[in-house]
Amino acid sequence: MLWLLIALLVFIFQTATILLLEFRNPYKTVAWLFILFCCPLIGFVVYYFVAQDYKARKKVRTQGSRLFQEIRPLIWSQASLVKRAGDMHSKDFQHQERLFNLLSHLSESPITGCNKSRVLTDGEDTFGAMLAAMDKAEDHLHIQFYIFRDDDIGNRFKDIMVRKAKAGVKVRLLCDGFGSYRLGRRRGFIQELKEAGVEFHFFLPPLLAMIDRRINYRNHRKIIVVDGTKGFVGGLNVGDDYLGKYQKMGYWRDTHLEIEGDAVYFC
């Protein structure tokens, strides 16, 4: 039958394409072939949009942006860098030479001293600390989240950003285009931010991501930097679900870290 022959040829073409493009990564090849066997047509469509290998990531990580390269020497000169475990303030860590060497090679960010940190384990404490710190911003306020909701807590964040921007503080907000796609429908929310002077952007909106075959290239960072002296990083997004206000979702718990000191330079 002609249709059966066409289907076989299409399947062979799909299989050959995956083998040709992924032959350097056996584990990925096996995984995508398994998906293709289970869902012959759908599997290939998913592969086309999701499986792109972002080779530029390594270049970005190793070289960084031109701006970062320009300011990096200044940041490193101002920060209190720790060169060896014996220089750590904590006596419990001073003999952990192997652990120190491991940590110093895990990231391009150096190990710094003169820091203070606090672990935040629920939404009320985390959002309370974030809003209190944002309210004290005098120079700049940099915020990025994967999910930013237009709900009660989201509007409390917005109100502070609007007020600070009007007071002359440089406020920047970056949200993931997929995680915060519902926020994109709230034109009034975004417009109020922009009219106040907040620099707002979506990271790779879904339509652009599909056209550019980068639908799975997402920004999951949840970071706030206040005046370069206090920072927040961790797992909480901005939404009432972390306060237990969504009955369908229940109470969504995660952990965040409040940082003060030189480590904030490298958030």
C-alpha atoms as a PDB file:
ATOM      1  CA  MET A   1       0.000   0.000   0.000  1.00  0.00           C
ATOM      2  CA  LEU A   2       1.246   3.436  -0.969  1.00  0.00           C
ATOM      3  CA  TRP A   3       0.387   5.147   2.326  1.00  0.00           C
ATOM      4  CA  LEU A   4       2.261   2.494   4.283  1.00  0.00           C
ATOM      5  CA  LEU A   5       5.338   2.970   2.100  1.00  0.00           C
ATOM      6  CA  ILE A   6       5.176   6.748   2.581  1.00  0.00           C
ATOM      7  CA  ALA A   7       4.830   6.356   6.349  1.00  0.00           C
ATOM      8  CA  LEU A   8       7.843   4.016   6.397  1.00  0.00           C
ATOM      9  CA  LEU A   9       9.959   6.454   4.388  1.00  0.00           C
ATOM     10  CA  VAL A  10       8.973   9.334   6.696  1.00  0.00           C
ATOM     11  CA  PHE A  11       9.887   7.251   9.739  1.00  0.00           C
ATOM     12  CA  ILE A  12      13.248   6.324   8.215  1.00  0.00           C
ATOM     13  CA  PHE A  13      13.914   9.978   7.449  1.00  0.00           C
ATOM     14  CA  GLN A  14      13.080  10.981  11.031  1.00  0.00           C
ATOM     15  CA  THR A  15      15.309   8.256  12.467  1.00  0.00           C
ATOM     16  CA  ALA A  16      18.192   9.130  10.143  1.00  0.00           C
ATOM     17  CA  THR A  17      17.912  12.819  11.036  1.00  0.00           C
ATOM     18  CA  ILE A  18      18.202  12.102  14.767  1.00  0.00           C
ATOM     19  CA  LEU A  19      21.105   9.697  14.236  1.00  0.00           C
ATOM     20  CA  LEU A  20      22.917  12.218  12.061  1.00  0.00           C
ATOM     21  CA  LEU A  21      22.459  15.190  14.403  1.00  0.00           C
ATOM     22  CA  GLU A  22      22.938  13.404  17.731  1.00  0.00           C
ATOM     23  CA  PHE A  23      25.597  10.796  16.954  1.00  0.00           C
ATOM     24  CA  ARG A  24      28.047  12.527  19.332  1.00  0.00           C
ATOM     25  CA  ASN A  25      25.616  12.103  22.247  1.00  0.00           C
ATOM     26  CA  PRO A  26      24.592   8.439  22.519  1.00  0.00           C
ATOM     27  CA  TYR A  27      22.381   8.973  25.563  1.00  0.00           C
ATOM     28  CA  LYS A  28      20.409  11.689  23.777  1.00  0.00           C
ATOM     29  CA  THR A  29      20.184   9.591  20.632  1.00  0.00           C
ATOM     30  CA  VAL A  30      18.694   6.626  22.511  1.00  0.00           C
ATOM     31  CA  ALA A  31      16.259   8.858  24.395  1.00  0.00           C
ATOM     32  CA  TRP A  32      14.962  10.614  21.282  1.00  0.00           C
ATOM     33  CA  LEU A  33      14.746   7.396  19.270  1.00  0.00           C
ATOM     34  CA  PHE A  34      12.671   5.870  22.068  1.00  0.00           C
ATOM     35  CA  ILE A  35      10.313   8.867  21.964  1.00  0.00           C
ATOM     36  CA  LEU A  36      10.175   8.602  18.157  1.00  0.00           C
ATOM     37  CA  PHE A  37       9.280   4.910  18.295  1.00  0.00           C
ATOM     38  CA  CYS A  38       6.495   5.605  20.798  1.00  0.00           C
ATOM     39  CA  CYS A  39       5.125   8.648  18.952  1.00  0.00           C
ATOM     40  CA  PRO A  40       6.505   8.596  15.391  1.00  0.00           C
ATOM     41  CA  LEU A  41       5.242  11.955  14.123  1.00  0.00           C
ATOM     42  CA  ILE A  42       4.695  13.864  17.356  1.00  0.00           C
ATOM     43  CA  GLY A  43       8.060  12.738  18.677  1.00  0.00           C
ATOM     44  CA  PHE A  44       9.901  14.284  15.735  1.00  0.00           C
ATOM     45  CA  VAL A  45       7.979  17.563  16.038  1.00  0.00           C
ATOM     46  CA  VAL A  46       8.911  17.729  19.722  1.00  0.00           C
ATOM     47  CA  TYR A  47      12.517  16.936  18.827  1.00  0.00           C
ATOM     48  CA  TYR A  48      12.613  19.774  16.297  1.00  0.00           C
ATOM     49  CA  PHE A  49      11.478  22.393  18.809  1.00  0.00           C
ATOM     50  CA  VAL A  50      13.004  21.070  22.032  1.00  0.00           C
ATOM     51  CA  ALA A  51      16.233  19.231  21.271  1.00  0.00           C
ATOM     52  CA  GLN A  52      18.321  22.118  19.989  1.00  0.00           C
ATOM     53  CA  ASP A  53      21.771  22.150  21.536  1.00  0.00           C
ATOM     54  CA  TYR A  54      22.727  25.639  22.613  1.00  0.00           C
ATOM     55  CA  LYS A  55      26.408  25.638  21.771  1.00  0.00           C
ATOM     56  CA  ALA A  56      26.669  29.322  22.581  1.00  0.00           C
ATOM     57  CA  ARG A  57      26.067  28.597  26.255  1.00  0.00           C
ATOM     58  CA  LYS A  58      29.641  27.434  26.835  1.00  0.00           C
ATOM     59  CA  LYS A  59      30.988  30.498  25.078  1.00  0.00           C
ATOM     60  CA  VAL A  60      28.818  32.773  27.205  1.00  0.00           C
ATOM     61  CA  ARG A  61      29.864  31.017  30.410  1.00  0.00           C
ATOM     62  CA  THR A  62      33.578  31.155  29.607  1.00  0.00           C
ATOM     63  CA  GLN A  63      33.823  34.571  27.992  1.00  0.00           C
ATOM     64  CA  GLY A  64      30.819  36.368  29.403  1.00  0.00           C
ATOM     65  CA  SER A  65      29.287  39.447  27.906  1.00  0.00           C
ATOM     66  CA  ARG A  66      31.476  42.350  26.882  1.00  0.00           C
ATOM     67  CA  LEU A  67      29.978  44.476  29.646  1.00  0.00           C
ATOM     68  CA  PHE A  68      30.744  41.888  32.314  1.00  0.00           C
ATOM     69  CA  GLN A  69      34.307  41.579  31.078  1.00  0.00           C
ATOM     70  CA  GLU A  70      34.703  45.330  31.401  1.00  0.00           C
ATOM     71  CA  ILE A  71      33.395  45.582  34.964  1.00  0.00           C
ATOM     72  CA  ARG A  72      34.768  42.259  36.218  1.00  0.00           C
ATOM     73  CA  PRO A  73      38.192  43.647  37.295  1.00  0.00           C
ATOM     74  CA  LEU A  74      36.462  46.412  39.254  1.00  0.00           C
ATOM     75  CA  ILE A  75      34.151  43.964  41.022  1.00  0.00           C
ATOM     76  CA  TRP A  76      36.988  41.608  41.888  1.00  0.00           C
ATOM     77  CA  SER A  77      39.104  44.467  43.214  1.00  0.00           C
ATOM     78  CA  GLN A  78      36.313  45.652  45.524  1.00  0.00           C
ATOM     79  CA  ALA A  79      35.311  42.227  46.835  1.00  0.00           C
ATOM     80  CA  SER A  80      37.019  40.490  49.718  1.00  0.00           C
ATOM     81  CA  LEU A  81      38.175  37.278  48.026  1.00  0.00           C
ATOM     82  CA  VAL A  82      39.199  34.184  49.966  1.00  0.00           C
ATOM     83  CA  LYS A  83      42.174  32.381  48.431  1.00  0.00           C
ATOM     84  CA  ARG A  84      42.417  29.378  50.755  1.00  0.00           C
ATOM     85  CA  ALA A  85      40.351  27.554  53.353  1.00  0.00           C
ATOM     86  CA  GLY A  86      42.539  28.772  56.216  1.00  0.00           C
ATOM     87  CA  ASP A  87      41.409  32.347  55.527  1.00  0.00           C
ATOM     88  CA  MET A  88      37.738  31.559  56.082  1.00  0.00           C
ATOM     89  CA  HIS A  89      36.090  33.334  59.005  1.00  0.00           C
ATOM     90  CA  SER A  90      34.387  30.157  60.197  1.00  0.00           C
ATOM     91  CA  LYS A  91      36.751  27.954  62.169  1.00  0.00           C
ATOM     92  CA  ASP A  92      34.680  24.917  61.190  1.00  0.00           C
ATOM     93  CA  PHE A  93      35.622  25.480  57.557  1.00  0.00           C
ATOM     94  CA  GLN A  94      39.269  26.399  57.904  1.00  0.00           C
ATOM     95  CA  HIS A  95      40.469  22.784  57.751  1.00  0.00           C
ATOM     96  CA  GLN A  96      38.191  21.816  54.822  1.00  0.00           C
ATOM     97  CA  GLU A  97      40.849  22.275  52.129  1.00  0.00           C
ATOM     98  CA  ARG A  98      39.448  19.641  49.756  1.00  0.00           C
ATOM     99  CA  LEU A  99      35.931  21.031  49.998  1.00  0.00           C
ATOM    100  CA  PHE A 100      37.268  24.562  49.438  1.00  0.00           C
ATOM    101  CA  ASN A 101      39.115  23.448  46.291  1.00  0.00           C
ATOM    102  CA  LEU A 102      35.979  21.751  45.000  1.00  0.00           C
ATOM    103  CA  LEU A 103      33.808  24.824  45.573  1.00  0.00           C
ATOM    104  CA  SER A 104      36.353  27.160  44.008  1.00  0.00           C
ATOM    105  CA  HIS A 105      36.244  25.157  40.746  1.00  0.00           C
ATOM    106  CA  LEU A 106      32.478  24.698  40.512  1.00  0.00           C
ATOM    107  CA  SER A 107      31.745  28.215  39.330  1.00  0.00           C
ATOM    108  CA  GLU A 108      33.404  31.245  37.803  1.00  0.00           C
ATOM    109  CA  SER A 109      32.267  33.240  40.828  1.00  0.00           C
ATOM    110  CA  PRO A 110      34.993  33.400  43.488  1.00  0.00           C
ATOM    111  CA  ILE A 111      34.621  32.548  47.160  1.00  0.00           C
ATOM    112  CA  THR A 112      34.200  35.765  49.129  1.00  0.00           C
ATOM    113  CA  GLY A 113      34.412  36.754  52.767  1.00  0.00           C
ATOM    114  CA  CYS A 114      32.583  39.461  54.722  1.00  0.00           C
ATOM    115  CA  ASN A 115      29.165  37.906  54.077  1.00  0.00           C
ATOM    116  CA  LYS A 116      26.062  37.303  56.125  1.00  0.00           C
ATOM    117  CA  SER A 117      23.299  34.949  55.048  1.00  0.00           C
ATOM    118  CA  ARG A 118      19.906  33.781  56.249  1.00  0.00           C
ATOM    119  CA  VAL A 119      17.908  30.773  55.056  1.00  0.00           C
ATOM    120  CA  LEU A 120      14.243  31.521  54.368  1.00  0.00           C
ATOM    121  CA  THR A 121      11.963  28.491  54.283  1.00  0.00           C
ATOM    122  CA  ASP A 122       8.444  29.789  53.681  1.00  0.00           C
ATOM    123  CA  GLY A 123       6.643  32.355  51.602  1.00  0.00           C
ATOM    124  CA  GLU A 124       5.676  34.773  54.362  1.00  0.00           C
ATOM    125  CA  ASP A 125       9.218  35.188  55.687  1.00  0.00           C
ATOM    126  CA  THR A 126      10.760  35.279  52.204  1.00  0.00           C
ATOM    127  CA  PHE A 127       8.379  37.819  50.694  1.00  0.00           C
ATOM    128  CA  GLY A 128       8.471  39.890  53.861  1.00  0.00           C
ATOM    129  CA  ALA A 129      12.274  40.085  53.738  1.00  0.00           C
ATOM    130  CA  MET A 130      12.268  40.842  49.996  1.00  0.00           C
ATOM    131  CA  LEU A 131       9.707  43.638  50.256  1.00  0.00           C
ATOM    132  CA  ALA A 132      11.454  45.178  53.268  1.00  0.00           C
ATOM    133  CA  ALA A 133      14.788  45.212  51.419  1.00  0.00           C
ATOM    134  CA  MET A 134      13.229  46.590  48.226  1.00  0.00           C
ATOM    135  CA  ASP A 135      11.600  49.360  50.207  1.00  0.00           C
ATOM    136  CA  LYS A 136      15.051  50.519  51.358  1.00  0.00           C
ATOM    137  CA  ALA A 137      16.589  50.643  47.857  1.00  0.00           C
ATOM    138  CA  GLU A 138      18.319  53.944  47.135  1.00  0.00           C
ATOM    139  CA  ASP A 139      20.323  53.366  43.933  1.00  0.00           C
ATOM    140  CA  HIS A 140      19.132  50.329  41.982  1.00  0.00           C
ATOM    141  CA  LEU A 141      16.789  47.392  42.192  1.00  0.00           C
ATOM    142  CA  HIS A 142      17.389  44.400  39.883  1.00  0.00           C
ATOM    143  CA  ILE A 143      14.741  41.663  39.847  1.00  0.00           C
ATOM    144  CA  GLN A 144      14.285  38.533  37.772  1.00  0.00           C
ATOM    145  CA  PHE A 145      11.902  35.611  38.212  1.00  0.00           C
ATOM    146  CA  TYR A 146      10.739  32.621  36.235  1.00  0.00           C
ATOM    147  CA  ILE A 147       7.132  33.106  37.365  1.00  0.00           C
ATOM    148  CA  PHE A 148       5.731  36.492  38.336  1.00  0.00           C
ATOM    149  CA  ARG A 149       1.980  36.504  38.966  1.00  0.00           C
ATOM    150  CA  ASP A 150      -0.484  39.382  38.887  1.00  0.00           C
ATOM    151  CA  ASP A 151      -2.040  38.512  42.254  1.00  0.00           C
ATOM    152  CA  ASP A 152      -1.944  39.968  45.765  1.00  0.00           C
ATOM    153  CA  ILE A 153       1.762  39.454  46.423  1.00  0.00           C
ATOM    154  CA  GLY A 154       2.650  40.296  42.818  1.00  0.00           C
ATOM    155  CA  ASN A 155       0.869  43.630  43.147  1.00  0.00           C
ATOM    156  CA  ARG A 156       2.704  44.366  46.398  1.00  0.00           C
ATOM    157  CA  PHE A 157       5.964  43.882  44.512  1.00  0.00           C
ATOM    158  CA  LYS A 158       4.669  46.088  41.693  1.00  0.00           C
ATOM    159  CA  ASP A 159       3.631  48.881  44.047  1.00  0.00           C
ATOM    160  CA  ILE A 160       7.117  49.078  45.573  1.00  0.00           C
ATOM    161  CA  MET A 161       8.797  48.973  42.157  1.00  0.00           C
ATOM    162  CA  VAL A 162       6.541  51.776  40.886  1.00  0.00           C
ATOM    163  CA  ARG A 163       7.148  53.899  43.966  1.00  0.00           C
ATOM    164  CA  LYS A 164      10.916  53.385  43.872  1.00  0.00           C
ATOM    165  CA  ALA A 165      11.146  54.078  40.142  1.00  0.00           C
ATOM    166  CA  LYS A 166       9.263  57.345  40.594  1.00  0.00           C
ATOM    167  CA  ALA A 167      11.684  58.255  43.385  1.00  0.00           C
ATOM    168  CA  GLY A 168      14.629  57.935  41.008  1.00  0.00           C
ATOM    169  CA  VAL A 169      15.799  54.418  41.820  1.00  0.00           C
ATOM    170  CA  LYS A 170      16.853  52.415  38.738  1.00  0.00           C
ATOM    171  CA  VAL A 171      14.431  49.482  38.679  1.00  0.00           C
ATOM    172  CA  ARG A 172      14.785  46.557  36.272  1.00  0.00           C
ATOM    173  CA  LEU A 173      12.454  43.557  36.073  1.00  0.00           C
ATOM    174  CA  LEU A 174      13.082  40.496  33.884  1.00  0.00           C
ATOM    175  CA  CYS A 175      10.509  37.672  33.729  1.00  0.00           C
ATOM    176  CA  ASP A 176      10.659  34.447  31.771  1.00  0.00           C
ATOM    177  CA  GLY A 177       8.421  34.623  28.725  1.00  0.00           C
ATOM    178  CA  PHE A 178       7.040  31.119  29.266  1.00  0.00           C
ATOM    179  CA  GLY A 179       6.834  30.912  33.045  1.00  0.00           C
ATOM    180  CA  SER A 180       5.201  34.355  33.253  1.00  0.00           C
ATOM    181  CA  TYR A 181       3.171  34.144  30.050  1.00  0.00           C
ATOM    182  CA  ARG A 182      -0.058  35.031  31.914  1.00  0.00           C
ATOM    183  CA  LEU A 183       1.532  38.282  33.007  1.00  0.00           C
ATOM    184  CA  GLY A 184       1.863  39.157  29.326  1.00  0.00           C
ATOM    185  CA  ARG A 185      -1.931  39.302  29.122  1.00  0.00           C
ATOM    186  CA  ARG A 186      -2.061  41.855  31.935  1.00  0.00           C
ATOM    187  CA  ARG A 187      -1.296  44.907  29.841  1.00  0.00           C
ATOM    188  CA  GLY A 188      -2.351  47.263  32.619  1.00  0.00           C
ATOM    189  CA  PHE A 189       0.102  45.657  35.057  1.00  0.00           C
ATOM    190  CA  ILE A 190       3.045  46.002  32.691  1.00  0.00           C
ATOM    191  CA  GLN A 191       2.003  49.440  31.471  1.00  0.00           C
ATOM    192  CA  GLU A 192       1.912  50.793  35.027  1.00  0.00           C
ATOM    193  CA  LEU A 193       5.463  49.570  35.569  1.00  0.00           C
ATOM    194  CA  LYS A 194       6.760  51.101  32.356  1.00  0.00           C
ATOM    195  CA  GLU A 195       4.998  54.423  32.879  1.00  0.00           C
ATOM    196  CA  ALA A 196       6.663  54.697  36.290  1.00  0.00           C
ATOM    197  CA  GLY A 197      10.082  54.179  34.686  1.00  0.00           C
ATOM    198  CA  VAL A 198      10.621  50.488  35.421  1.00  0.00           C
ATOM    199  CA  GLU A 199      12.707  48.762  32.745  1.00  0.00           C
ATOM    200  CA  PHE A 200      10.644  45.626  32.044  1.00  0.00           C
ATOM    201  CA  HIS A 201      11.351  42.764  29.643  1.00  0.00           C
ATOM    202  CA  PHE A 202      10.271  39.191  28.961  1.00  0.00           C
ATOM    203  CA  PHE A 203      13.014  36.645  28.376  1.00  0.00           C
ATOM    204  CA  LEU A 204      12.336  34.801  25.101  1.00  0.00           C
ATOM    205  CA  PRO A 205       8.508  34.857  24.774  1.00  0.00           C
ATOM    206  CA  PRO A 206       6.904  31.554  23.631  1.00  0.00           C
ATOM    207  CA  LEU A 207       6.166  32.624  20.039  1.00  0.00           C
ATOM    208  CA  LEU A 208       9.704  33.859  19.472  1.00  0.00           C
ATOM    209  CA  ALA A 209      11.062  30.747  21.161  1.00  0.00           C
ATOM    210  CA  MET A 210       9.109  28.472  18.816  1.00  0.00           C
ATOM    211  CA  ILE A 211      10.214  30.358  15.730  1.00  0.00           C
ATOM    212  CA  ASP A 212      13.817  30.254  16.907  1.00  0.00           C
ATOM    213  CA  ARG A 213      13.535  26.601  18.064  1.00  0.00           C
ATOM    214  CA  ARG A 214      14.407  27.480  21.652  1.00  0.00           C
ATOM    215  CA  ILE A 215      11.170  26.643  23.449  1.00  0.00           C
ATOM    216  CA  ASN A 216      13.065  24.835  26.235  1.00  0.00           C
ATOM    217  CA  TYR A 217      15.626  27.608  26.652  1.00  0.00           C
ATOM    218  CA  ARG A 218      14.180  29.143  29.815  1.00  0.00           C
ATOM    219  CA  ASN A 219      15.375  31.474  32.548  1.00  0.00           C
ATOM    220  CA  HIS A 220      14.619  29.830  35.901  1.00  0.00           C
ATOM    221  CA  ARG A 221      16.552  32.329  38.002  1.00  0.00           C
ATOM    222  CA  LYS A 222      14.813  33.907  40.993  1.00  0.00           C
ATOM    223  CA  ILE A 223      17.052  36.785  42.034  1.00  0.00           C
ATOM    224  CA  ILE A 224      16.723  40.199  43.631  1.00  0.00           C
ATOM    225  CA  VAL A 225      19.676  42.566  44.073  1.00  0.00           C
ATOM    226  CA  VAL A 226      19.211  45.718  46.147  1.00  0.00           C
ATOM    227  CA  ASP A 227      21.876  48.421  45.757  1.00  0.00           C
ATOM    228  CA  GLY A 228      24.532  45.749  45.243  1.00  0.00           C
ATOM    229  CA  THR A 229      24.658  45.128  49.000  1.00  0.00           C
ATOM    230  CA  LYS A 230      21.759  42.750  49.641  1.00  0.00           C
ATOM    231  CA  GLY A 231      20.566  39.894  47.469  1.00  0.00           C
ATOM    232  CA  PHE A 232      18.020  37.102  47.393  1.00  0.00           C
ATOM    233  CA  VAL A 233      18.444  33.867  45.443  1.00  0.00           C
ATOM    234  CA  GLY A 234      16.663  30.539  45.625  1.00  0.00           C
ATOM    235  CA  GLY A 235      13.552  28.664  44.570  1.00  0.00           C
ATOM    236  CA  LEU A 236      10.579  30.935  45.262  1.00  0.00           C
ATOM    237  CA  ASN A 237       8.757  32.658  42.436  1.00  0.00           C
ATOM    238  CA  VAL A 238       6.387  35.570  43.026  1.00  0.00           C
ATOM    239  CA  GLY A 239       2.869  34.259  43.555  1.00  0.00           C
ATOM    240  CA  ASP A 240       0.168  33.677  46.149  1.00  0.00           C
ATOM    241  CA  ASP A 241       0.637  29.912  45.791  1.00  0.00           C
ATOM    242  CA  TYR A 242       3.681  30.278  48.076  1.00  0.00           C
ATOM    243  CA  LEU A 243       1.328  31.767  50.675  1.00  0.00           C
ATOM    244  CA  GLY A 244      -1.243  28.952  50.426  1.00  0.00           C
ATOM    245  CA  LYS A 245      -3.909  31.125  48.814  1.00  0.00           C
ATOM    246  CA  TYR A 246      -4.607  28.853  45.843  1.00  0.00           C
ATOM    247  CA  GLN A 247      -6.854  26.036  47.041  1.00  0.00           C
ATOM    248  CA  LYS A 248      -6.292  23.879  43.964  1.00  0.00           C
ATOM    249  CA  MET A 249      -2.524  24.015  44.324  1.00  0.00           C
ATOM    250  CA  GLY A 250      -2.354  23.979  48.099  1.00  0.00           C
ATOM    251  CA  TYR A 251       0.606  25.413  49.970  1.00  0.00           C
ATOM    252  CA  TRP A 252       3.679  25.533  47.717  1.00  0.00           C
ATOM    253  CA  ARG A 253       6.879  25.517  49.784  1.00  0.00           C
ATOM    254  CA  ASP A 254      10.411  26.321  48.665  1.00  0.00           C
ATOM    255  CA  THR A 255      13.630  27.763  50.050  1.00  0.00           C
ATOM    256  CA  HIS A 256      15.372  31.068  49.470  1.00  0.00           C
ATOM    257  CA  LEU A 257      18.602  32.635  50.694  1.00  0.00           C
ATOM    258  CA  GLU A 258      19.095  36.214  51.848  1.00  0.00           C
ATOM    259  CA  ILE A 259      22.675  37.420  51.342  1.00  0.00           C
ATOM    260  CA  GLU A 260      24.504  40.518  52.531  1.00  0.00           C
ATOM    261  CA  GLY A 261      28.093  41.299  51.623  1.00  0.00           C
ATOM    262  CA  ASP A 262      30.512  40.789  48.746  1.00  0.00           C
ATOM    263  CA  ALA A 263      28.768  37.626  47.526  1.00  0.00           C
ATOM    264  CA  VAL A 264      25.933  39.826  46.272  1.00  0.00           C
ATOM    265  CA  TYR A 265      28.229  41.056  43.483  1.00  0.00           C
ATOM    266  CA  PHE A 266      28.085  37.571  41.967  1.00  0.00           C
ATOM    267  CA  CYS A 267      24.356  36.779  42.338  1.00  0.00           C
END
